[in-house]
Amino acid sequence: MIVDTDRIETLLKETVVTEDKVASVLERGAEAQGLTLEDAALLISIEDAKLREMLYRVAGAVKEKLFGKRVVLFAPLYLSNYCTNGCLYCGFRSSNRTVARKALTPEEVVVEAKTLEGMGFKRVLLVTGEDPRWDLKYIIDCVKAVYGNTGMRIVHVNAPPMDVRSLRRLKDAGVGVFQVFQETYHRPTYESVHPIGKKKDYDFRIEVMDRAMEAGFGDVAIGSLLGLYDFRFDSLATLAHSMHLYGRFGAEAHTISIPRLRPAEDFALKDVPHPVTDEDFKKIVAVYRLTVPTAGVVVSTREPASLRNSLIHSGATQLSAASRTNPGGYSKDALQTLEQFSTNDHRSLVEVMKSIVDEGCLPSLCTTCYRVGRTGHEFTEKTKAGEMVKFCQANAILTLKEYLADYSQNGTKEALEKALIKAMDGIKDTAVKKALIEKFKAIDAGERDLFL
């Protein structure tokens, strides 16, 4: 059993929060070795403002202990908004006929990817709906087109669940992370919001990450769509899913996304069934960080800029930026095609980078680990051992140096340069600092894609 529903419901019913219990759990959480599901149930049940602040502080400290001050940036690229599913919360659902549908050709995908590359992005997440007309071959053709015709260094994919053979072909095409969200782990709710289409199959979806790891993906990405059901249940179930993967494959989920339900075109739900407040959202981020400390916690542009800025201090490590949720949304003559959902943070990449610097953190465009084999079990264990922080910080510095050389804009260059100097001053390992200085010289001489 991947997720034990009865156990989670019992934990939520029987957990009693006291200051002493919270202090004890946070003391263990501060060691950055992870927590139990019982511990997570306690923390996710905190209501007291004082205890919440304690939780946020410890989670922020653990994030910095394992990953430094870096915040990874990426963008989604939507391949197609065709879909045969009827998900009530999604603008792509098959019954929505109000706006044009589009599946980008591989050549059009290259145009979109080059637009993102022109902003400074080095990693991209390809996203597609579920329609047999746009099959595995189509996705692989798009992946290969991006690698073969742009400077993107890593391509991740968010696609419908597949069998092991198909996932192996996707991995062989060079995909870094395979991502599927369960949406909600509460089976009755899952069934009610997925009335038609292949996505109705709860079990085939929840088991896809096992199949992905069997197919060779060291890094997989999971998440719940917060607001469909009680966030406490879905948060604990998400953590249980990651724990299951660790128990079977020796690797936690590489990233856990925390999308919160947002309005979509012709929204089929009357309202958000289980609203999640900003404080609850922040609490989820912190609990994820402490329970599964090695996972990247990803916050999308569904959330407003001010909240996203605060979340990087309570455990979030990755942000999307400049996102468009419709096929063709980035190109100069952007197509007026159907969006999956509405976004809330419309800042450009450089504006998000500047805000990260203003928060005292370091924007990162790093893609190293996927390309040098620091993935899966190795990544999980190295991170727990505190060995990844030097790579994360150093490679963030190198990507910022490269960004300044190629993409810096008036009004931001000075701030980013100051952040670069400050980050270099913070490197205490003399060997790492020496290596960075030499690589700075190489970047100034025109070399690119340098990393530790």
Protein backbone atom coordinates (compact mmCIF):
# COMPACT_ATOMS: atom_id res chain seq x y z
CA MET A 1 0.00 0.00 0.00
CA ILE A 2 1.47 3.34 -1.08
CA VAL A 3 -0.77 5.51 1.12
CA ASP A 4 -2.56 4.14 4.18
CA THR A 5 -5.71 6.25 4.31
CA ASP A 6 -6.93 4.81 7.61
CA ARG A 7 -3.63 5.55 9.30
CA ILE A 8 -3.62 9.16 8.14
CA GLU A 9 -7.22 9.74 9.19
CA THR A 10 -6.49 8.23 12.60
CA LEU A 11 -3.42 10.44 13.04
CA LEU A 12 -5.39 13.56 12.20
CA LYS A 13 -8.19 12.56 14.56
CA GLU A 14 -6.02 11.57 17.52
CA THR A 15 -3.09 14.01 17.33
CA VAL A 16 -3.02 16.48 20.20
CA VAL A 17 -0.77 19.51 19.80
CA THR A 18 1.16 20.78 22.81
CA GLU A 19 4.10 23.15 22.97
CA ASP A 20 6.33 20.49 24.51
CA LYS A 21 5.54 18.00 21.76
CA VAL A 22 6.14 20.57 19.03
CA ALA A 23 9.44 21.65 20.61
CA SER A 24 10.60 18.02 20.75
CA VAL A 25 9.69 17.34 17.12
CA LEU A 26 11.33 20.56 15.94
CA GLU A 27 14.50 19.68 17.84
CA ARG A 28 14.72 16.46 15.85
CA GLY A 29 13.65 18.19 12.67
CA ALA A 30 16.53 20.63 13.01
CA GLU A 31 18.94 17.74 12.51
CA ALA A 32 17.78 17.62 8.86
CA GLN A 33 17.38 13.84 8.79
CA GLY A 34 13.63 13.82 8.29
CA LEU A 35 10.61 13.14 10.48
CA THR A 36 7.98 10.45 10.84
CA LEU A 37 4.43 10.71 9.56
CA GLU A 38 3.31 11.02 13.19
CA ASP A 39 5.64 14.00 13.58
CA ALA A 40 4.28 15.55 10.40
CA ALA A 41 0.70 15.08 11.64
CA LEU A 42 1.57 17.01 14.77
CA LEU A 43 3.19 19.88 12.87
CA ILE A 44 0.47 20.13 10.22
CA SER A 45 -2.09 20.43 13.05
CA ILE A 46 -0.45 23.48 14.65
CA GLU A 47 -2.82 26.44 14.99
CA ASP A 48 -1.03 28.60 17.56
CA ALA A 49 0.79 31.55 15.95
CA LYS A 50 3.81 31.26 18.26
CA LEU A 51 4.29 27.58 17.41
CA ARG A 52 3.87 28.28 13.71
CA GLU A 53 6.68 30.83 13.84
CA MET A 54 8.90 28.28 15.57
CA LEU A 55 8.10 25.83 12.78
CA TYR A 56 8.95 28.37 10.07
CA ARG A 57 12.27 29.29 11.66
CA VAL A 58 13.44 25.70 11.96
CA ALA A 59 12.32 24.84 8.43
CA GLY A 60 14.14 27.86 7.04
CA ALA A 61 17.30 26.88 8.92
CA VAL A 62 17.14 23.30 7.60
CA LYS A 63 16.71 24.54 4.04
CA GLU A 64 19.80 26.71 4.38
CA LYS A 65 21.75 23.94 6.09
CA LEU A 66 21.18 21.51 3.21
CA PHE A 67 20.97 23.80 0.16
CA GLY A 68 22.43 27.14 1.18
CA LYS A 69 20.67 30.32 0.19
CA ARG A 70 20.04 29.28 -3.39
CA VAL A 71 16.59 29.29 -4.97
CA VAL A 72 16.27 27.32 -8.22
CA LEU A 73 14.31 28.87 -11.10
CA PHE A 74 12.58 27.20 -14.04
CA ALA A 75 9.66 27.64 -16.43
CA PRO A 76 6.89 25.34 -17.67
CA LEU A 77 6.35 24.99 -21.42
CA TYR A 78 2.92 23.69 -22.41
CA LEU A 79 3.01 21.42 -25.46
CA SER A 80 -0.70 20.80 -25.88
CA ASN A 81 -4.00 21.66 -24.24
CA TYR A 82 -5.89 18.79 -25.88
CA CYS A 83 -7.22 16.42 -23.24
CA THR A 84 -9.76 13.63 -23.07
CA ASN A 85 -10.16 13.83 -19.28
CA GLY A 86 -12.96 15.69 -17.54
CA CYS A 87 -11.18 17.04 -14.44
CA LEU A 88 -13.59 19.54 -12.89
CA TYR A 89 -10.81 21.90 -11.73
CA CYS A 90 -8.88 22.17 -15.02
CA GLY A 91 -9.31 24.46 -18.01
CA PHE A 92 -8.10 21.69 -20.31
CA ARG A 93 -10.99 19.33 -19.53
CA SER A 94 -12.63 17.82 -22.58
CA SER A 95 -16.02 19.50 -22.13
CA ASN A 96 -14.54 23.01 -22.23
CA ARG A 97 -15.10 24.29 -25.77
CA THR A 98 -14.85 28.02 -25.11
CA VAL A 99 -11.26 28.63 -26.27
CA ALA A 100 -9.04 27.25 -29.04
CA ARG A 101 -7.09 24.04 -28.62
CA LYS A 102 -3.54 23.69 -29.84
CA ALA A 103 -0.77 21.11 -29.94
CA LEU A 104 2.56 22.71 -30.76
CA THR A 105 4.68 21.09 -33.43
CA PRO A 106 8.24 20.24 -32.38
CA GLU A 107 9.35 23.27 -34.42
CA GLU A 108 6.95 25.50 -32.48
CA VAL A 109 8.19 24.00 -29.23
CA VAL A 110 11.71 25.06 -30.23
CA VAL A 111 10.47 28.63 -30.78
CA GLU A 112 8.94 28.64 -27.30
CA ALA A 113 12.08 27.14 -25.73
CA LYS A 114 14.29 29.67 -27.47
CA THR A 115 12.11 32.45 -26.12
CA LEU A 116 12.63 31.10 -22.61
CA GLU A 117 16.32 30.67 -23.27
CA GLY A 118 16.45 34.30 -24.34
CA MET A 119 15.16 35.25 -20.90
CA GLY A 120 18.00 33.28 -19.29
CA PHE A 121 16.35 29.97 -18.41
CA LYS A 122 18.47 26.82 -18.67
CA ARG A 123 15.88 24.23 -17.61
CA VAL A 124 12.35 23.73 -18.86
CA LEU A 125 9.41 21.59 -17.81
CA LEU A 126 7.37 20.28 -20.75
CA VAL A 127 3.68 19.89 -19.86
CA THR A 128 0.94 18.20 -21.86
CA GLY A 129 -2.65 17.07 -21.51
CA GLU A 130 -3.83 13.50 -22.04
CA ASP A 131 -4.96 12.77 -25.59
CA PRO A 132 -4.01 9.73 -27.70
CA ARG A 133 -3.38 11.99 -30.70
CA TRP A 134 -0.38 13.46 -28.88
CA ASP A 135 1.32 10.30 -27.75
CA LEU A 136 4.69 9.26 -26.36
CA LYS A 137 6.43 9.68 -29.72
CA TYR A 138 5.16 13.26 -29.87
CA ILE A 139 6.54 14.04 -26.41
CA ILE A 140 9.89 12.45 -27.22
CA ASP A 141 10.08 14.35 -30.53
CA CYS A 142 9.53 17.57 -28.59
CA VAL A 143 12.19 16.67 -26.01
CA LYS A 144 14.72 15.89 -28.74
CA ALA A 145 13.83 19.07 -30.63
CA VAL A 146 14.57 21.18 -27.55
CA TYR A 147 17.89 19.46 -26.90
CA GLY A 148 18.91 19.56 -30.54
CA ASN A 149 17.98 23.12 -31.37
CA THR A 150 18.29 25.23 -28.21
CA GLY A 151 20.70 25.84 -25.40
CA MET A 152 18.42 24.31 -22.78
CA ARG A 153 20.53 22.07 -20.58
CA ILE A 154 17.88 19.89 -18.99
CA VAL A 155 14.33 19.01 -19.93
CA HIS A 156 11.82 17.71 -17.40
CA VAL A 157 8.40 16.34 -18.33
CA ASN A 158 4.95 16.50 -16.75
CA ALA A 159 2.87 13.99 -18.70
CA PRO A 160 0.10 11.42 -18.15
CA PRO A 161 0.98 8.15 -16.39
CA MET A 162 2.62 5.50 -18.59
CA ASP A 163 3.77 1.92 -18.43
CA VAL A 164 7.38 1.01 -17.62
CA ARG A 165 8.39 0.49 -21.24
CA SER A 166 7.15 3.94 -22.25
CA LEU A 167 8.79 5.57 -19.25
CA ARG A 168 12.08 3.89 -20.15
CA ARG A 169 11.86 5.39 -23.64
CA LEU A 170 11.21 8.80 -22.11
CA LYS A 171 14.22 8.43 -19.83
CA ASP A 172 16.39 7.32 -22.75
CA ALA A 173 15.39 10.52 -24.58
CA GLY A 174 17.22 12.49 -21.89
CA VAL A 175 14.40 13.60 -19.60
CA GLY A 176 15.70 14.61 -16.18
CA VAL A 177 12.65 14.46 -13.90
CA PHE A 178 9.31 12.78 -14.55
CA GLN A 179 6.42 14.55 -12.86
CA VAL A 180 2.85 13.48 -12.14
CA PHE A 181 0.59 14.97 -9.48
CA GLN A 182 -1.95 12.73 -7.78
CA GLU A 183 -4.09 15.89 -7.35
CA THR A 184 -5.79 14.42 -4.26
CA TYR A 185 -4.98 11.21 -2.43
CA HIS A 186 -8.47 11.03 -0.96
CA ARG A 187 -10.06 8.38 -3.15
CA PRO A 188 -13.74 9.48 -2.90
CA THR A 189 -12.78 13.07 -3.76
CA TYR A 190 -10.51 11.85 -6.54
CA GLU A 191 -13.38 9.92 -8.08
CA SER A 192 -15.79 12.86 -7.83
CA VAL A 193 -13.49 15.40 -9.55
CA HIS A 194 -12.40 12.99 -12.30
CA PRO A 195 -15.73 11.86 -13.77
CA ILE A 196 -14.48 10.76 -17.22
CA GLY A 197 -11.26 9.86 -19.01
CA LYS A 198 -8.26 7.66 -18.27
CA LYS A 199 -7.43 9.81 -15.28
CA LYS A 200 -10.36 8.20 -13.44
CA ASP A 201 -8.00 5.31 -12.64
CA TYR A 202 -6.68 6.31 -9.20
CA ASP A 203 -4.41 3.28 -8.84
CA PHE A 204 -2.75 3.55 -12.24
CA ARG A 205 -1.90 7.15 -11.42
CA ILE A 206 -0.58 6.68 -7.89
CA GLU A 207 1.59 3.74 -8.97
CA VAL A 208 3.28 5.62 -11.82
CA MET A 209 6.21 6.81 -9.73
CA ASP A 210 7.10 3.23 -8.85
CA ARG A 211 7.04 2.44 -12.56
CA ALA A 212 9.13 5.53 -13.34
CA MET A 213 11.82 4.49 -10.87
CA GLU A 214 11.72 0.95 -12.21
CA ALA A 215 12.28 2.49 -15.65
CA GLY A 216 15.44 4.26 -14.50
CA PHE A 217 14.24 7.65 -13.34
CA GLY A 218 16.25 8.47 -10.25
CA ASP A 219 14.32 11.70 -9.84
CA VAL A 220 10.54 11.91 -9.78
CA ALA A 221 8.21 14.74 -8.79
CA ILE A 222 4.91 14.51 -6.93
CA GLY A 223 2.32 16.83 -5.44
CA SER A 224 -1.27 17.46 -4.39
CA LEU A 225 -3.60 20.11 -5.77
CA LEU A 226 -4.38 21.85 -2.50
CA GLY A 227 -8.00 22.81 -2.05
CA LEU A 228 -9.69 19.74 -3.48
CA TYR A 229 -9.77 18.06 -0.06
CA ASP A 230 -8.59 18.69 3.51
CA PHE A 231 -5.02 19.98 3.08
CA ARG A 232 -3.88 18.14 6.18
CA PHE A 233 -4.86 14.76 4.71
CA ASP A 234 -3.38 15.45 1.28
CA SER A 235 -0.18 16.85 2.75
CA LEU A 236 0.38 13.77 4.91
CA ALA A 237 -0.52 11.49 2.00
CA THR A 238 2.00 13.26 -0.22
CA LEU A 239 4.67 12.74 2.42
CA ALA A 240 3.64 9.09 2.80
CA HIS A 241 4.03 8.68 -0.96
CA SER A 242 7.58 10.04 -0.79
CA MET A 243 8.35 7.79 2.18
CA HIS A 244 7.10 4.82 0.20
CA LEU A 245 9.49 5.66 -2.64
CA TYR A 246 12.37 5.94 -0.18
CA GLY A 247 11.50 2.61 1.38
CA ARG A 248 11.41 0.84 -1.97
CA PHE A 249 14.03 2.70 -4.03
CA GLY A 250 16.19 4.52 -1.49
CA ALA A 251 15.25 7.96 -2.82
CA GLU A 252 12.64 10.45 -1.68
CA ALA A 253 10.63 12.35 -4.25
CA HIS A 254 13.12 14.71 -5.85
CA THR A 255 10.61 17.55 -5.75
CA ILE A 256 7.24 18.06 -4.11
CA SER A 257 5.09 20.75 -5.68
CA ILE A 258 2.41 22.58 -3.74
CA PRO A 259 -0.05 23.95 -6.29
CA ARG A 260 -3.09 25.61 -4.76
CA LEU A 261 -6.38 25.42 -6.65
CA ARG A 262 -6.86 28.44 -8.90
CA PRO A 263 -9.75 29.46 -11.18
CA ALA A 264 -9.67 28.15 -14.74
CA GLU A 265 -11.59 28.96 -17.90
CA ASP A 266 -15.22 27.84 -17.47
CA PHE A 267 -14.41 26.63 -13.94
CA ALA A 268 -16.60 23.57 -13.30
CA LEU A 269 -16.39 23.73 -9.51
CA LYS A 270 -18.76 26.15 -7.85
CA ASP A 271 -15.97 27.24 -5.53
CA VAL A 272 -12.81 25.87 -3.91
CA PRO A 273 -14.10 22.86 -1.94
CA HIS A 274 -11.53 23.13 0.86
CA PRO A 275 -9.90 26.59 0.91
CA VAL A 276 -6.28 26.77 2.06
CA THR A 277 -5.24 30.01 3.77
CA ASP A 278 -1.86 31.63 3.24
CA GLU A 279 -0.83 30.59 6.75
CA ASP A 280 -1.86 27.01 6.11
CA PHE A 281 0.05 27.12 2.83
CA LYS A 282 3.16 28.36 4.57
CA LYS A 283 2.77 25.64 7.18
CA ILE A 284 2.61 22.97 4.48
CA VAL A 285 5.88 24.23 2.98
CA ALA A 286 7.61 24.06 6.36
CA VAL A 287 6.27 20.60 7.20
CA TYR A 288 7.41 19.26 3.83
CA ARG A 289 10.87 20.72 4.38
CA LEU A 290 11.33 19.12 7.78
CA THR A 291 9.72 15.76 7.01
CA VAL A 292 11.41 15.19 3.64
CA PRO A 293 14.39 17.55 3.93
CA THR A 294 16.14 16.43 0.74
CA ALA A 295 13.18 17.21 -1.54
CA GLY A 296 12.92 20.38 -3.53
CA VAL A 297 9.76 22.20 -2.46
CA VAL A 298 8.32 23.94 -5.51
CA VAL A 299 6.05 27.01 -5.48
CA SER A 300 4.43 27.99 -8.77
CA THR A 301 3.16 31.31 -10.13
CA ARG A 302 -0.30 30.35 -8.91
CA GLU A 303 0.77 32.22 -5.76
CA PRO A 304 1.23 36.01 -5.39
CA ALA A 305 4.71 37.48 -5.39
CA SER A 306 4.66 38.56 -1.75
CA LEU A 307 3.77 35.08 -0.53
CA ARG A 308 6.35 33.43 -2.75
CA ASN A 309 9.00 35.80 -1.40
CA SER A 310 8.17 34.78 2.17
CA LEU A 311 8.06 31.05 1.45
CA ILE A 312 11.74 30.88 0.51
CA HIS A 313 12.45 31.59 4.18
CA SER A 314 10.27 28.75 5.46
CA GLY A 315 11.45 25.90 3.25
CA ALA A 316 10.69 26.50 -0.43
CA THR A 317 13.68 25.86 -2.71
CA GLN A 318 12.30 26.18 -6.25
CA LEU A 319 10.16 28.78 -8.01
CA SER A 320 8.73 28.90 -11.49
CA ALA A 321 8.90 32.31 -13.14
CA ALA A 322 7.33 34.19 -16.05
CA SER A 323 4.97 31.23 -16.48
CA ARG A 324 2.43 30.82 -19.26
CA THR A 325 -0.02 27.93 -18.98
CA ASN A 326 -1.16 27.76 -22.60
CA PRO A 327 0.62 26.32 -25.67
CA GLY A 328 2.38 29.09 -27.55
CA GLY A 329 2.18 31.45 -24.60
CA TYR A 330 5.79 32.64 -24.71
CA SER A 331 6.37 33.38 -28.37
CA LYS A 332 6.23 36.87 -29.81
CA ASP A 333 2.92 36.22 -31.55
CA ALA A 334 1.46 34.31 -28.63
CA LEU A 335 -1.52 32.21 -29.55
CA GLN A 336 -4.78 32.91 -27.75
CA THR A 337 -5.17 29.32 -26.67
CA LEU A 338 -6.79 27.75 -23.66
CA GLU A 339 -4.91 28.11 -20.36
CA GLN A 340 -4.86 25.35 -17.79
CA PHE A 341 -5.34 27.81 -14.93
CA SER A 342 -4.83 31.48 -14.15
CA THR A 343 -1.53 32.63 -12.68
CA ASN A 344 -1.02 35.13 -9.87
CA ASP A 345 2.62 36.19 -10.16
CA HIS A 346 3.28 37.80 -13.55
CA ARG A 347 6.84 38.98 -12.95
CA SER A 348 9.58 38.32 -15.47
CA LEU A 349 12.52 36.04 -14.70
CA VAL A 350 14.83 38.93 -13.96
CA GLU A 351 12.26 40.53 -11.65
CA VAL A 352 11.96 37.28 -9.70
CA MET A 353 15.77 37.03 -9.54
CA LYS A 354 15.94 40.57 -8.19
CA SER A 355 13.32 39.81 -5.54
CA ILE A 356 15.24 36.69 -4.45
CA VAL A 357 18.34 38.85 -4.01
CA ASP A 358 16.33 41.43 -2.09
CA GLU A 359 15.30 38.62 0.29
CA GLY A 360 18.96 37.87 0.97
CA CYS A 361 19.00 34.70 -1.12
CA LEU A 362 20.70 33.60 -4.32
CA PRO A 363 18.90 32.86 -7.61
CA SER A 364 20.09 29.67 -9.28
CA LEU A 365 19.77 28.46 -12.87
CA CYS A 366 21.77 25.31 -12.12
CA THR A 367 21.14 22.04 -13.99
CA THR A 368 24.19 20.12 -12.82
CA CYS A 369 22.99 17.20 -10.73
CA TYR A 370 20.86 15.59 -13.45
CA ARG A 371 23.77 15.72 -15.88
CA VAL A 372 26.54 14.38 -13.64
CA GLY A 373 24.54 11.59 -12.02
CA ARG A 374 23.86 13.12 -8.61
CA THR A 375 20.32 11.80 -8.62
CA GLY A 376 18.06 9.35 -6.82
CA HIS A 377 19.59 7.53 -3.87
CA GLU A 378 22.94 9.28 -4.23
CA PHE A 379 21.37 12.74 -4.16
CA THR A 380 19.16 11.85 -1.20
CA GLU A 381 22.02 10.50 0.89
CA LYS A 382 24.52 13.21 -0.04
CA THR A 383 21.97 15.86 0.86
CA LYS A 384 21.20 14.28 4.23
CA ALA A 385 24.94 14.10 4.90
CA GLY A 386 25.29 17.83 4.24
CA GLU A 387 27.47 17.26 1.18
CA MET A 388 25.24 18.96 -1.40
CA VAL A 389 25.20 22.46 0.05
CA LYS A 390 28.66 23.31 -1.31
CA PHE A 391 27.64 22.21 -4.81
CA CYS A 392 24.30 24.02 -4.64
CA GLN A 393 25.84 27.30 -3.53
CA ALA A 394 28.82 27.12 -5.89
CA ASN A 395 26.75 26.24 -8.95
CA ALA A 396 24.22 28.93 -8.16
CA ILE A 397 27.10 31.41 -8.11
CA LEU A 398 28.39 30.17 -11.46
CA THR A 399 24.98 30.38 -13.13
CA LEU A 400 24.50 33.90 -11.78
CA LYS A 401 27.92 34.90 -13.11
CA GLU A 402 26.96 33.49 -16.51
CA TYR A 403 23.58 35.22 -16.41
CA LEU A 404 25.26 38.54 -15.70
CA ALA A 405 27.57 38.03 -18.66
CA ASP A 406 24.78 37.18 -21.10
CA TYR A 407 21.41 38.51 -19.92
CA SER A 408 21.72 41.24 -17.30
CA GLN A 409 19.43 44.21 -17.79
CA ASN A 410 19.60 47.83 -16.74
CA GLY A 411 18.26 48.36 -13.25
CA THR A 412 19.09 44.87 -12.03
CA LYS A 413 22.73 44.32 -12.91
CA GLU A 414 24.07 46.20 -9.91
CA ALA A 415 21.87 44.29 -7.45
CA LEU A 416 22.78 40.94 -8.95
CA GLU A 417 26.49 41.79 -8.98
CA LYS A 418 26.32 42.72 -5.30
CA ALA A 419 24.62 39.41 -4.58
CA LEU A 420 27.36 37.59 -6.47
CA ILE A 421 30.10 39.31 -4.48
CA LYS A 422 28.30 38.60 -1.20
CA ALA A 423 27.85 34.94 -2.13
CA MET A 424 31.54 34.60 -2.98
CA ASP A 425 32.48 36.20 0.32
CA GLY A 426 30.34 33.57 2.04
CA ILE A 427 32.31 30.65 0.57
CA LYS A 428 34.55 29.37 3.38
CA ASP A 429 36.01 26.35 1.60
CA THR A 430 39.24 27.68 0.08
CA ALA A 431 39.39 24.96 -2.56
CA VAL A 432 35.85 25.71 -3.73
CA LYS A 433 36.53 29.44 -3.78
CA LYS A 434 39.71 28.92 -5.80
CA ALA A 435 37.83 26.75 -8.29
CA LEU A 436 35.12 29.38 -8.63
CA ILE A 437 37.65 32.15 -9.29
CA GLU A 438 39.20 30.10 -12.06
CA LYS A 439 35.80 29.39 -13.58
CA PHE A 440 34.93 33.10 -13.40
CA LYS A 441 37.96 33.75 -15.58
CA ALA A 442 36.80 31.11 -18.04
CA ILE A 443 33.31 32.65 -18.20
CA ASP A 444 34.84 36.08 -18.83
CA ALA A 445 36.81 34.46 -21.65
CA GLY A 446 33.61 33.15 -23.25
CA GLU A 447 33.24 29.64 -21.83
CA ARG A 448 29.79 28.56 -20.63
CA ASP A 449 28.06 25.79 -18.73
CA LEU A 450 30.69 25.48 -16.02
CA PHE A 451 29.93 23.72 -12.77
CA LEU A 452 31.31 21.82 -9.80
